[in-house]
Amino acid sequence: MSESSAAPAEVLAIDVGSSCVKLGRFAGGGSCPSDKPASALLIAAPKLPEPTESFALAHGRDLSRTALADMEGWIGENFAAEPRCFLASVQPVVAVGLAQVFQKLIWSAPRQLTWEDLPLEVRVEEPSRVGIDRLLNAVAANRLRDPEQPAIVVDLGTAGTVDLVSADGAFEGGSILPGMWLAGQALHSGTSSLPDFDVAALNESVAAVGKNTDGAIAAGLFWGTVGAVGELIERISRQCQSAPLLLVTGGAAPHVVKHLSARGVPARHVPHMVLSAIRLVGDQLR
């Protein structure tokens, strides 16, 4: 088979977040076109490319040998040939650790994206200090929003972010707050009697009035996050000349999204925004 007729290489997108590494396998070729009417997708443009397989691994501040072995196994199972690899990281130490996986596979190291690689105007004081995940969310939002419509992107991970994308597609900045897990850890480590709370059980069924310590913590973490994010959305929306598109992503998004919509701006849950944006940027960097 000639090089020109060879199947396009698959893409491996790697998102190194504050407490989790997420990998996405994308089929070769160009970006995913929409296969449904825009009205069914609740978006105005072609849908984001979505990973055909994904893998997530908690890392804390480092990657253990076991974690690296698990990641290597997933990569080996999903890629018969070397994919095009792109990495976005907010954890430099972990990003360095990932190089061990690629060296063992005898692959070239993934290309690490910076803000200068992105098709995005960044209107903040120090663009290089903005988390690459926040900027990639803005890239994804620009794929989904109507022309001339601003967007607000809420990402609910280890930290929560609420960011504004202007009507002309620029990243304008936003807000950062503790995510539910991080807030729970702060309550435990910063007090003498509050327990280490498992936030995995937090969802919309949590009562606002806790009948015990765990219930009170659950109420504060979940509904406090909903309230804080909702207030930020309202205040940011007032700065927009037209109604913004509200996009919600991150681990807590499925449980929070409908409560944000109840505040008057329809919210849309979009999983894998960072991974999808890495793929979009990778398409432009061929």
C-alpha atoms as a PDB file:
ATOM      1  CA  MET A   1       0.000   0.000   0.000  1.00  0.00           C
ATOM      2  CA  SER A   2       1.442   3.396  -0.941  1.00  0.00           C
ATOM      3  CA  GLU A   3       1.906   6.109   1.625  1.00  0.00           C
ATOM      4  CA  SER A   4      -0.790   8.230  -0.031  1.00  0.00           C
ATOM      5  CA  SER A   5      -3.348   5.422   0.156  1.00  0.00           C
ATOM      6  CA  ALA A   6      -2.429   4.259   3.666  1.00  0.00           C
ATOM      7  CA  ALA A   7      -5.097   4.594   6.320  1.00  0.00           C
ATOM      8  CA  PRO A   8      -4.680   7.792   8.361  1.00  0.00           C
ATOM      9  CA  ALA A   9      -2.995   7.267  11.725  1.00  0.00           C
ATOM     10  CA  GLU A  10      -5.196   7.085  14.770  1.00  0.00           C
ATOM     11  CA  VAL A  11      -4.874   9.840  17.346  1.00  0.00           C
ATOM     12  CA  LEU A  12      -4.097   9.384  21.035  1.00  0.00           C
ATOM     13  CA  ALA A  13      -5.165  12.426  23.047  1.00  0.00           C
ATOM     14  CA  ILE A  14      -3.796  12.692  26.587  1.00  0.00           C
ATOM     15  CA  ASP A  15      -5.211  15.055  29.199  1.00  0.00           C
ATOM     16  CA  VAL A  16      -3.106  15.261  32.374  1.00  0.00           C
ATOM     17  CA  GLY A  17      -5.297  16.958  34.932  1.00  0.00           C
ATOM     18  CA  SER A  18      -4.728  17.837  38.588  1.00  0.00           C
ATOM     19  CA  SER A  19      -5.618  14.370  39.888  1.00  0.00           C
ATOM     20  CA  CYS A  20      -6.372  12.196  36.862  1.00  0.00           C
ATOM     21  CA  VAL A  21      -4.850  11.242  33.522  1.00  0.00           C
ATOM     22  CA  LYS A  22      -7.426  10.774  30.774  1.00  0.00           C
ATOM     23  CA  LEU A  23      -6.594   9.191  27.423  1.00  0.00           C
ATOM     24  CA  GLY A  24      -8.784   9.100  24.349  1.00  0.00           C
ATOM     25  CA  ARG A  25      -8.413   7.003  21.213  1.00  0.00           C
ATOM     26  CA  PHE A  26      -9.697   8.707  18.067  1.00  0.00           C
ATOM     27  CA  ALA A  27     -10.068   7.120  14.660  1.00  0.00           C
ATOM     28  CA  GLY A  28      -7.808   8.322  11.853  1.00  0.00           C
ATOM     29  CA  GLY A  29      -8.954  10.880   9.353  1.00  0.00           C
ATOM     30  CA  GLY A  30     -10.460  14.306   9.824  1.00  0.00           C
ATOM     31  CA  SER A  31     -12.667  15.591  12.591  1.00  0.00           C
ATOM     32  CA  CYS A  32     -15.993  13.896  13.200  1.00  0.00           C
ATOM     33  CA  PRO A  33     -18.862  15.416  11.226  1.00  0.00           C
ATOM     34  CA  SER A  34     -22.316  15.578  12.715  1.00  0.00           C
ATOM     35  CA  ASP A  35     -24.442  12.501  12.127  1.00  0.00           C
ATOM     36  CA  LYS A  36     -27.600  14.018  13.584  1.00  0.00           C
ATOM     37  CA  PRO A  37     -29.512  17.254  12.976  1.00  0.00           C
ATOM     38  CA  ALA A  38     -28.217  20.130  15.057  1.00  0.00           C
ATOM     39  CA  SER A  39     -31.576  20.408  16.833  1.00  0.00           C
ATOM     40  CA  ALA A  40     -31.214  16.845  18.118  1.00  0.00           C
ATOM     41  CA  LEU A  41     -27.723  17.569  19.403  1.00  0.00           C
ATOM     42  CA  LEU A  42     -28.706  20.897  20.946  1.00  0.00           C
ATOM     43  CA  ILE A  43     -25.702  22.458  19.240  1.00  0.00           C
ATOM     44  CA  ALA A  44     -25.354  24.623  16.173  1.00  0.00           C
ATOM     45  CA  ALA A  45     -22.216  23.192  14.586  1.00  0.00           C
ATOM     46  CA  PRO A  46     -20.939  19.673  13.836  1.00  0.00           C
ATOM     47  CA  LYS A  47     -20.559  17.691  17.012  1.00  0.00           C
ATOM     48  CA  LEU A  48     -17.195  17.311  18.656  1.00  0.00           C
ATOM     49  CA  PRO A  49     -15.064  14.334  17.719  1.00  0.00           C
ATOM     50  CA  GLU A  50     -15.588  11.710  20.401  1.00  0.00           C
ATOM     51  CA  PRO A  51     -13.106   9.053  21.540  1.00  0.00           C
ATOM     52  CA  THR A  52     -13.914   5.528  20.412  1.00  0.00           C
ATOM     53  CA  GLU A  53     -12.235   4.312  23.612  1.00  0.00           C
ATOM     54  CA  SER A  54     -11.196   6.205  26.725  1.00  0.00           C
ATOM     55  CA  PHE A  55      -9.151   5.459  29.808  1.00  0.00           C
ATOM     56  CA  ALA A  56      -8.836   7.352  33.077  1.00  0.00           C
ATOM     57  CA  LEU A  57      -6.344   6.874  35.864  1.00  0.00           C
ATOM     58  CA  ALA A  58      -6.032   8.731  39.157  1.00  0.00           C
ATOM     59  CA  HIS A  59      -2.488   9.873  39.891  1.00  0.00           C
ATOM     60  CA  GLY A  60      -2.407  12.259  42.856  1.00  0.00           C
ATOM     61  CA  ARG A  61       0.842  14.127  42.157  1.00  0.00           C
ATOM     62  CA  ASP A  62       2.780  11.265  40.578  1.00  0.00           C
ATOM     63  CA  LEU A  63       2.341   8.061  38.582  1.00  0.00           C
ATOM     64  CA  SER A  64       3.178   4.769  40.266  1.00  0.00           C
ATOM     65  CA  ARG A  65       4.770   1.855  38.434  1.00  0.00           C
ATOM     66  CA  THR A  66       1.431   0.051  38.624  1.00  0.00           C
ATOM     67  CA  ALA A  67      -0.341   3.037  37.089  1.00  0.00           C
ATOM     68  CA  LEU A  68       2.189   3.237  34.276  1.00  0.00           C
ATOM     69  CA  ALA A  69       1.793  -0.501  33.646  1.00  0.00           C
ATOM     70  CA  ASP A  70      -2.006  -0.152  33.499  1.00  0.00           C
ATOM     71  CA  MET A  71      -1.688   2.705  31.041  1.00  0.00           C
ATOM     72  CA  GLU A  72       0.799   0.815  28.914  1.00  0.00           C
ATOM     73  CA  GLY A  73      -1.580  -2.141  28.830  1.00  0.00           C
ATOM     74  CA  TRP A  74      -4.485   0.007  27.665  1.00  0.00           C
ATOM     75  CA  ILE A  75      -2.364   1.608  24.950  1.00  0.00           C
ATOM     76  CA  GLY A  76      -1.061  -1.772  23.820  1.00  0.00           C
ATOM     77  CA  GLU A  77      -4.579  -3.186  23.585  1.00  0.00           C
ATOM     78  CA  ASN A  78      -5.942  -0.278  21.572  1.00  0.00           C
ATOM     79  CA  PHE A  79      -3.145   0.687  19.176  1.00  0.00           C
ATOM     80  CA  ALA A  80      -1.516  -1.779  16.798  1.00  0.00           C
ATOM     81  CA  ALA A  81       0.606   0.967  15.215  1.00  0.00           C
ATOM     82  CA  GLU A  82       2.026   4.211  16.491  1.00  0.00           C
ATOM     83  CA  PRO A  83      -0.716   6.851  16.682  1.00  0.00           C
ATOM     84  CA  ARG A  84      -0.305  10.583  16.384  1.00  0.00           C
ATOM     85  CA  CYS A  85      -0.025  11.653  20.033  1.00  0.00           C
ATOM     86  CA  PHE A  86      -0.887  15.004  21.572  1.00  0.00           C
ATOM     87  CA  LEU A  87      -0.692  15.817  25.262  1.00  0.00           C
ATOM     88  CA  ALA A  88      -2.078  18.655  27.375  1.00  0.00           C
ATOM     89  CA  SER A  89      -0.917  18.849  30.972  1.00  0.00           C
ATOM     90  CA  VAL A  90      -1.363  20.916  34.112  1.00  0.00           C
ATOM     91  CA  GLN A  91       0.974  18.548  36.001  1.00  0.00           C
ATOM     92  CA  PRO A  92       4.572  18.761  34.659  1.00  0.00           C
ATOM     93  CA  VAL A  93       5.898  15.946  36.870  1.00  0.00           C
ATOM     94  CA  VAL A  94       3.220  13.536  35.688  1.00  0.00           C
ATOM     95  CA  ALA A  95       3.771  14.548  32.063  1.00  0.00           C
ATOM     96  CA  VAL A  96       7.440  13.617  32.432  1.00  0.00           C
ATOM     97  CA  GLY A  97       6.434  10.267  33.924  1.00  0.00           C
ATOM     98  CA  LEU A  98       4.337   9.489  30.878  1.00  0.00           C
ATOM     99  CA  ALA A  99       7.474   9.619  28.738  1.00  0.00           C
ATOM    100  CA  GLN A 100       8.458   6.280  30.273  1.00  0.00           C
ATOM    101  CA  VAL A 101       5.436   4.628  28.674  1.00  0.00           C
ATOM    102  CA  PHE A 102       6.293   5.889  25.197  1.00  0.00           C
ATOM    103  CA  GLN A 103       9.966   5.034  25.517  1.00  0.00           C
ATOM    104  CA  LYS A 104       9.060   1.475  26.453  1.00  0.00           C
ATOM    105  CA  LEU A 105       6.721   1.223  23.469  1.00  0.00           C
ATOM    106  CA  ILE A 106       9.528   2.599  21.262  1.00  0.00           C
ATOM    107  CA  TRP A 107       7.287   5.436  20.179  1.00  0.00           C
ATOM    108  CA  SER A 108       8.139   9.065  19.825  1.00  0.00           C
ATOM    109  CA  ALA A 109       7.067  11.258  22.721  1.00  0.00           C
ATOM    110  CA  PRO A 110       3.673  12.932  22.362  1.00  0.00           C
ATOM    111  CA  ARG A 111       3.622  16.544  21.268  1.00  0.00           C
ATOM    112  CA  GLN A 112       2.809  18.649  24.315  1.00  0.00           C
ATOM    113  CA  LEU A 113       0.432  21.473  23.484  1.00  0.00           C
ATOM    114  CA  THR A 114       0.867  25.031  24.696  1.00  0.00           C
ATOM    115  CA  TRP A 115      -1.499  27.956  24.450  1.00  0.00           C
ATOM    116  CA  GLU A 116       0.362  29.160  21.358  1.00  0.00           C
ATOM    117  CA  ASP A 117      -0.655  25.968  19.486  1.00  0.00           C
ATOM    118  CA  LEU A 118      -4.349  26.682  19.914  1.00  0.00           C
ATOM    119  CA  PRO A 119      -6.594  28.439  17.377  1.00  0.00           C
ATOM    120  CA  LEU A 120      -7.715  30.810  20.105  1.00  0.00           C
ATOM    121  CA  GLU A 121      -7.212  34.420  21.102  1.00  0.00           C
ATOM    122  CA  VAL A 122      -6.448  34.568  24.828  1.00  0.00           C
ATOM    123  CA  ARG A 123      -7.423  37.923  26.354  1.00  0.00           C
ATOM    124  CA  VAL A 124      -5.868  37.680  29.803  1.00  0.00           C
ATOM    125  CA  GLU A 125      -2.832  39.260  31.414  1.00  0.00           C
ATOM    126  CA  GLU A 126      -0.572  36.180  31.246  1.00  0.00           C
ATOM    127  CA  PRO A 127      -1.806  33.637  28.673  1.00  0.00           C
ATOM    128  CA  SER A 128       1.024  31.223  29.419  1.00  0.00           C
ATOM    129  CA  ARG A 129      -0.191  30.811  33.011  1.00  0.00           C
ATOM    130  CA  VAL A 130      -3.757  29.823  32.140  1.00  0.00           C
ATOM    131  CA  GLY A 131      -4.408  26.098  32.546  1.00  0.00           C
ATOM    132  CA  ILE A 132      -4.268  24.464  29.120  1.00  0.00           C
ATOM    133  CA  ASP A 133      -7.429  22.531  30.011  1.00  0.00           C
ATOM    134  CA  ARG A 134      -9.389  25.774  30.350  1.00  0.00           C
ATOM    135  CA  LEU A 135      -8.146  26.989  26.976  1.00  0.00           C
ATOM    136  CA  LEU A 136      -8.936  23.673  25.299  1.00  0.00           C
ATOM    137  CA  ASN A 137     -12.464  23.859  26.703  1.00  0.00           C
ATOM    138  CA  ALA A 138     -12.751  27.215  24.934  1.00  0.00           C
ATOM    139  CA  VAL A 139     -11.560  25.643  21.669  1.00  0.00           C
ATOM    140  CA  ALA A 140     -14.295  23.017  22.018  1.00  0.00           C
ATOM    141  CA  ALA A 141     -16.870  25.678  22.866  1.00  0.00           C
ATOM    142  CA  ASN A 142     -16.023  27.539  19.666  1.00  0.00           C
ATOM    143  CA  ARG A 143     -16.918  24.380  17.752  1.00  0.00           C
ATOM    144  CA  LEU A 144     -20.333  24.206  19.438  1.00  0.00           C
ATOM    145  CA  ARG A 145     -21.574  27.768  19.735  1.00  0.00           C
ATOM    146  CA  ASP A 146     -23.503  29.796  17.182  1.00  0.00           C
ATOM    147  CA  PRO A 147     -21.540  32.544  15.428  1.00  0.00           C
ATOM    148  CA  GLU A 148     -21.689  35.736  17.473  1.00  0.00           C
ATOM    149  CA  GLN A 149     -22.980  33.840  20.533  1.00  0.00           C
ATOM    150  CA  PRO A 150     -20.844  33.918  23.686  1.00  0.00           C
ATOM    151  CA  ALA A 151     -20.339  30.749  25.712  1.00  0.00           C
ATOM    152  CA  ILE A 152     -19.759  29.934  29.354  1.00  0.00           C
ATOM    153  CA  VAL A 153     -17.867  26.716  30.069  1.00  0.00           C
ATOM    154  CA  VAL A 154     -18.158  25.069  33.482  1.00  0.00           C
ATOM    155  CA  ASP A 155     -15.611  22.324  34.211  1.00  0.00           C
ATOM    156  CA  LEU A 156     -16.240  20.424  37.444  1.00  0.00           C
ATOM    157  CA  GLY A 157     -13.130  18.449  38.274  1.00  0.00           C
ATOM    158  CA  THR A 158     -10.569  18.617  41.085  1.00  0.00           C
ATOM    159  CA  ALA A 159     -10.905  22.367  40.731  1.00  0.00           C
ATOM    160  CA  GLY A 160     -14.010  23.950  39.288  1.00  0.00           C
ATOM    161  CA  THR A 161     -13.728  26.581  36.576  1.00  0.00           C
ATOM    162  CA  VAL A 162     -16.324  28.885  35.074  1.00  0.00           C
ATOM    163  CA  ASP A 163     -14.935  30.597  31.978  1.00  0.00           C
ATOM    164  CA  LEU A 164     -16.221  33.028  29.375  1.00  0.00           C
ATOM    165  CA  VAL A 165     -15.731  32.689  25.628  1.00  0.00           C
ATOM    166  CA  SER A 166     -16.648  35.934  23.890  1.00  0.00           C
ATOM    167  CA  ALA A 167     -19.043  36.304  20.986  1.00  0.00           C
ATOM    168  CA  ASP A 168     -16.034  36.572  18.662  1.00  0.00           C
ATOM    169  CA  GLY A 169     -14.469  33.399  20.054  1.00  0.00           C
ATOM    170  CA  ALA A 170     -11.796  34.680  22.437  1.00  0.00           C
ATOM    171  CA  PHE A 171     -11.024  33.273  25.868  1.00  0.00           C
ATOM    172  CA  GLU A 172     -11.833  36.130  28.255  1.00  0.00           C
ATOM    173  CA  GLY A 173     -10.894  34.506  31.575  1.00  0.00           C
ATOM    174  CA  GLY A 174     -13.164  33.361  34.355  1.00  0.00           C
ATOM    175  CA  SER A 175     -13.269  31.939  37.864  1.00  0.00           C
ATOM    176  CA  ILE A 176     -11.605  29.072  39.725  1.00  0.00           C
ATOM    177  CA  LEU A 177     -13.028  27.421  42.839  1.00  0.00           C
ATOM    178  CA  PRO A 178     -12.377  24.186  44.740  1.00  0.00           C
ATOM    179  CA  GLY A 179     -14.078  21.125  43.314  1.00  0.00           C
ATOM    180  CA  MET A 180     -16.162  18.921  45.619  1.00  0.00           C
ATOM    181  CA  TRP A 181     -13.350  16.455  46.289  1.00  0.00           C
ATOM    182  CA  LEU A 182     -10.812  19.193  47.002  1.00  0.00           C
ATOM    183  CA  ALA A 183     -13.251  21.039  49.276  1.00  0.00           C
ATOM    184  CA  GLY A 184     -13.932  17.814  51.158  1.00  0.00           C
ATOM    185  CA  GLN A 185     -10.206  17.215  51.617  1.00  0.00           C
ATOM    186  CA  ALA A 186      -9.801  20.751  52.952  1.00  0.00           C
ATOM    187  CA  LEU A 187     -12.561  20.209  55.522  1.00  0.00           C
ATOM    188  CA  HIS A 188     -10.896  16.999  56.706  1.00  0.00           C
ATOM    189  CA  SER A 189      -7.305  18.271  56.826  1.00  0.00           C
ATOM    190  CA  GLY A 190      -8.180  21.710  58.178  1.00  0.00           C
ATOM    191  CA  THR A 191     -10.285  20.577  61.133  1.00  0.00           C
ATOM    192  CA  SER A 192      -9.780  18.197  64.053  1.00  0.00           C
ATOM    193  CA  SER A 193     -13.032  16.241  63.866  1.00  0.00           C
ATOM    194  CA  LEU A 194     -14.539  16.262  60.387  1.00  0.00           C
ATOM    195  CA  PRO A 195     -14.121  12.925  58.581  1.00  0.00           C
ATOM    196  CA  ASP A 196     -12.490  12.189  55.247  1.00  0.00           C
ATOM    197  CA  PHE A 197     -15.640  12.221  53.152  1.00  0.00           C
ATOM    198  CA  ASP A 198     -16.127  10.039  50.053  1.00  0.00           C
ATOM    199  CA  VAL A 199     -17.449  12.428  47.403  1.00  0.00           C
ATOM    200  CA  ALA A 200     -18.178   9.596  44.966  1.00  0.00           C
ATOM    201  CA  ALA A 201     -21.651   9.324  46.496  1.00  0.00           C
ATOM    202  CA  LEU A 202     -22.513  12.979  45.910  1.00  0.00           C
ATOM    203  CA  ASN A 203     -25.427  13.523  43.541  1.00  0.00           C
ATOM    204  CA  GLU A 204     -28.702  15.418  43.280  1.00  0.00           C
ATOM    205  CA  SER A 205     -30.368  13.111  45.834  1.00  0.00           C
ATOM    206  CA  VAL A 206     -28.341  14.681  48.656  1.00  0.00           C
ATOM    207  CA  ALA A 207     -30.650  16.364  51.177  1.00  0.00           C
ATOM    208  CA  ALA A 208     -30.057  20.037  51.854  1.00  0.00           C
ATOM    209  CA  VAL A 209     -30.500  19.404  55.584  1.00  0.00           C
ATOM    210  CA  GLY A 210     -28.045  16.783  56.799  1.00  0.00           C
ATOM    211  CA  LYS A 211     -29.107  14.692  59.789  1.00  0.00           C
ATOM    212  CA  ASN A 212     -25.564  13.671  60.709  1.00  0.00           C
ATOM    213  CA  THR A 213     -22.031  14.911  60.086  1.00  0.00           C
ATOM    214  CA  ASP A 214     -21.636  13.064  56.801  1.00  0.00           C
ATOM    215  CA  GLY A 215     -25.014  14.316  55.625  1.00  0.00           C
ATOM    216  CA  ALA A 216     -24.140  17.884  56.534  1.00  0.00           C
ATOM    217  CA  ILE A 217     -20.837  17.677  54.668  1.00  0.00           C
ATOM    218  CA  ALA A 218     -22.578  16.160  51.649  1.00  0.00           C
ATOM    219  CA  ALA A 219     -25.150  18.966  51.629  1.00  0.00           C
ATOM    220  CA  GLY A 220     -22.504  21.654  51.865  1.00  0.00           C
ATOM    221  CA  LEU A 221     -20.236  20.174  49.209  1.00  0.00           C
ATOM    222  CA  PHE A 222     -22.913  19.404  46.632  1.00  0.00           C
ATOM    223  CA  TRP A 223     -25.390  22.243  47.027  1.00  0.00           C
ATOM    224  CA  GLY A 224     -22.623  24.707  47.869  1.00  0.00           C
ATOM    225  CA  THR A 225     -20.964  23.888  44.541  1.00  0.00           C
ATOM    226  CA  VAL A 226     -24.279  24.210  42.685  1.00  0.00           C
ATOM    227  CA  GLY A 227     -24.914  27.564  44.340  1.00  0.00           C
ATOM    228  CA  ALA A 228     -21.435  28.964  43.781  1.00  0.00           C
ATOM    229  CA  VAL A 229     -21.311  27.909  40.129  1.00  0.00           C
ATOM    230  CA  GLY A 230     -24.841  29.178  39.538  1.00  0.00           C
ATOM    231  CA  GLU A 231     -23.995  32.571  41.001  1.00  0.00           C
ATOM    232  CA  LEU A 232     -20.880  32.843  38.822  1.00  0.00           C
ATOM    233  CA  ILE A 233     -22.889  31.925  35.723  1.00  0.00           C
ATOM    234  CA  GLU A 234     -25.462  34.606  36.512  1.00  0.00           C
ATOM    235  CA  ARG A 235     -22.833  37.281  37.043  1.00  0.00           C
ATOM    236  CA  ILE A 236     -20.845  36.362  33.928  1.00  0.00           C
ATOM    237  CA  SER A 237     -24.046  36.213  31.846  1.00  0.00           C
ATOM    238  CA  ARG A 238     -24.787  39.838  32.763  1.00  0.00           C
ATOM    239  CA  GLN A 239     -21.595  40.841  30.945  1.00  0.00           C
ATOM    240  CA  CYS A 240     -22.790  39.198  27.714  1.00  0.00           C
ATOM    241  CA  GLN A 241     -24.741  41.188  25.146  1.00  0.00           C
ATOM    242  CA  SER A 242     -26.700  38.082  24.149  1.00  0.00           C
ATOM    243  CA  ALA A 243     -27.690  34.876  25.940  1.00  0.00           C
ATOM    244  CA  PRO A 244     -24.613  32.654  26.264  1.00  0.00           C
ATOM    245  CA  LEU A 245     -24.372  28.975  25.421  1.00  0.00           C
ATOM    246  CA  LEU A 246     -23.776  27.162  28.717  1.00  0.00           C
ATOM    247  CA  LEU A 247     -21.631  24.020  28.506  1.00  0.00           C
ATOM    248  CA  VAL A 248     -20.837  21.789  31.487  1.00  0.00           C
ATOM    249  CA  THR A 249     -18.116  19.154  31.574  1.00  0.00           C
ATOM    250  CA  GLY A 250     -16.018  17.278  34.142  1.00  0.00           C
ATOM    251  CA  GLY A 251     -16.680  14.433  36.548  1.00  0.00           C
ATOM    252  CA  ALA A 252     -19.484  16.095  38.522  1.00  0.00           C
ATOM    253  CA  ALA A 253     -21.222  17.518  35.457  1.00  0.00           C
ATOM    254  CA  PRO A 254     -23.953  14.849  35.059  1.00  0.00           C
ATOM    255  CA  HIS A 255     -25.220  15.501  38.591  1.00  0.00           C
ATOM    256  CA  VAL A 256     -25.049  19.290  38.487  1.00  0.00           C
ATOM    257  CA  VAL A 257     -26.127  20.223  34.973  1.00  0.00           C
ATOM    258  CA  LYS A 258     -29.904  20.170  35.460  1.00  0.00           C
ATOM    259  CA  HIS A 259     -29.673  22.343  38.570  1.00  0.00           C
ATOM    260  CA  LEU A 260     -27.740  24.958  36.628  1.00  0.00           C
ATOM    261  CA  SER A 261     -30.427  24.938  33.931  1.00  0.00           C
ATOM    262  CA  ALA A 262     -33.019  25.638  36.626  1.00  0.00           C
ATOM    263  CA  ARG A 263     -31.435  29.084  37.066  1.00  0.00           C
ATOM    264  CA  GLY A 264     -32.689  30.246  33.681  1.00  0.00           C
ATOM    265  CA  VAL A 265     -29.850  29.450  31.245  1.00  0.00           C
ATOM    266  CA  PRO A 266     -30.224  26.003  29.615  1.00  0.00           C
ATOM    267  CA  ALA A 267     -27.108  23.995  30.456  1.00  0.00           C
ATOM    268  CA  ARG A 268     -25.735  21.228  28.233  1.00  0.00           C
ATOM    269  CA  HIS A 269     -23.546  18.406  29.456  1.00  0.00           C
ATOM    270  CA  VAL A 270     -20.655  17.784  27.051  1.00  0.00           C
ATOM    271  CA  PRO A 271     -18.298  14.971  28.123  1.00  0.00           C
ATOM    272  CA  HIS A 272     -14.649  14.750  27.014  1.00  0.00           C
ATOM    273  CA  MET A 273     -14.377  18.435  26.066  1.00  0.00           C
ATOM    274  CA  VAL A 274     -10.620  18.594  26.666  1.00  0.00           C
ATOM    275  CA  LEU A 275      -9.866  15.316  24.860  1.00  0.00           C
ATOM    276  CA  SER A 276     -12.072  16.355  21.934  1.00  0.00           C
ATOM    277  CA  ALA A 277     -10.357  19.727  21.705  1.00  0.00           C
ATOM    278  CA  ILE A 278      -6.923  18.054  21.751  1.00  0.00           C
ATOM    279  CA  ARG A 279      -8.061  16.077  18.705  1.00  0.00           C
ATOM    280  CA  LEU A 280      -9.311  19.236  16.986  1.00  0.00           C
ATOM    281  CA  VAL A 281      -6.001  20.995  17.587  1.00  0.00           C
ATOM    282  CA  GLY A 282      -4.078  17.935  16.459  1.00  0.00           C
ATOM    283  CA  ASP A 283      -5.954  17.976  13.150  1.00  0.00           C
ATOM    284  CA  GLN A 284      -4.688  21.516  12.549  1.00  0.00           C
ATOM    285  CA  LEU A 285      -1.086  20.661  13.484  1.00  0.00           C
ATOM    286  CA  ARG A 286      -0.568  17.944  10.878  1.00  0.00           C
END
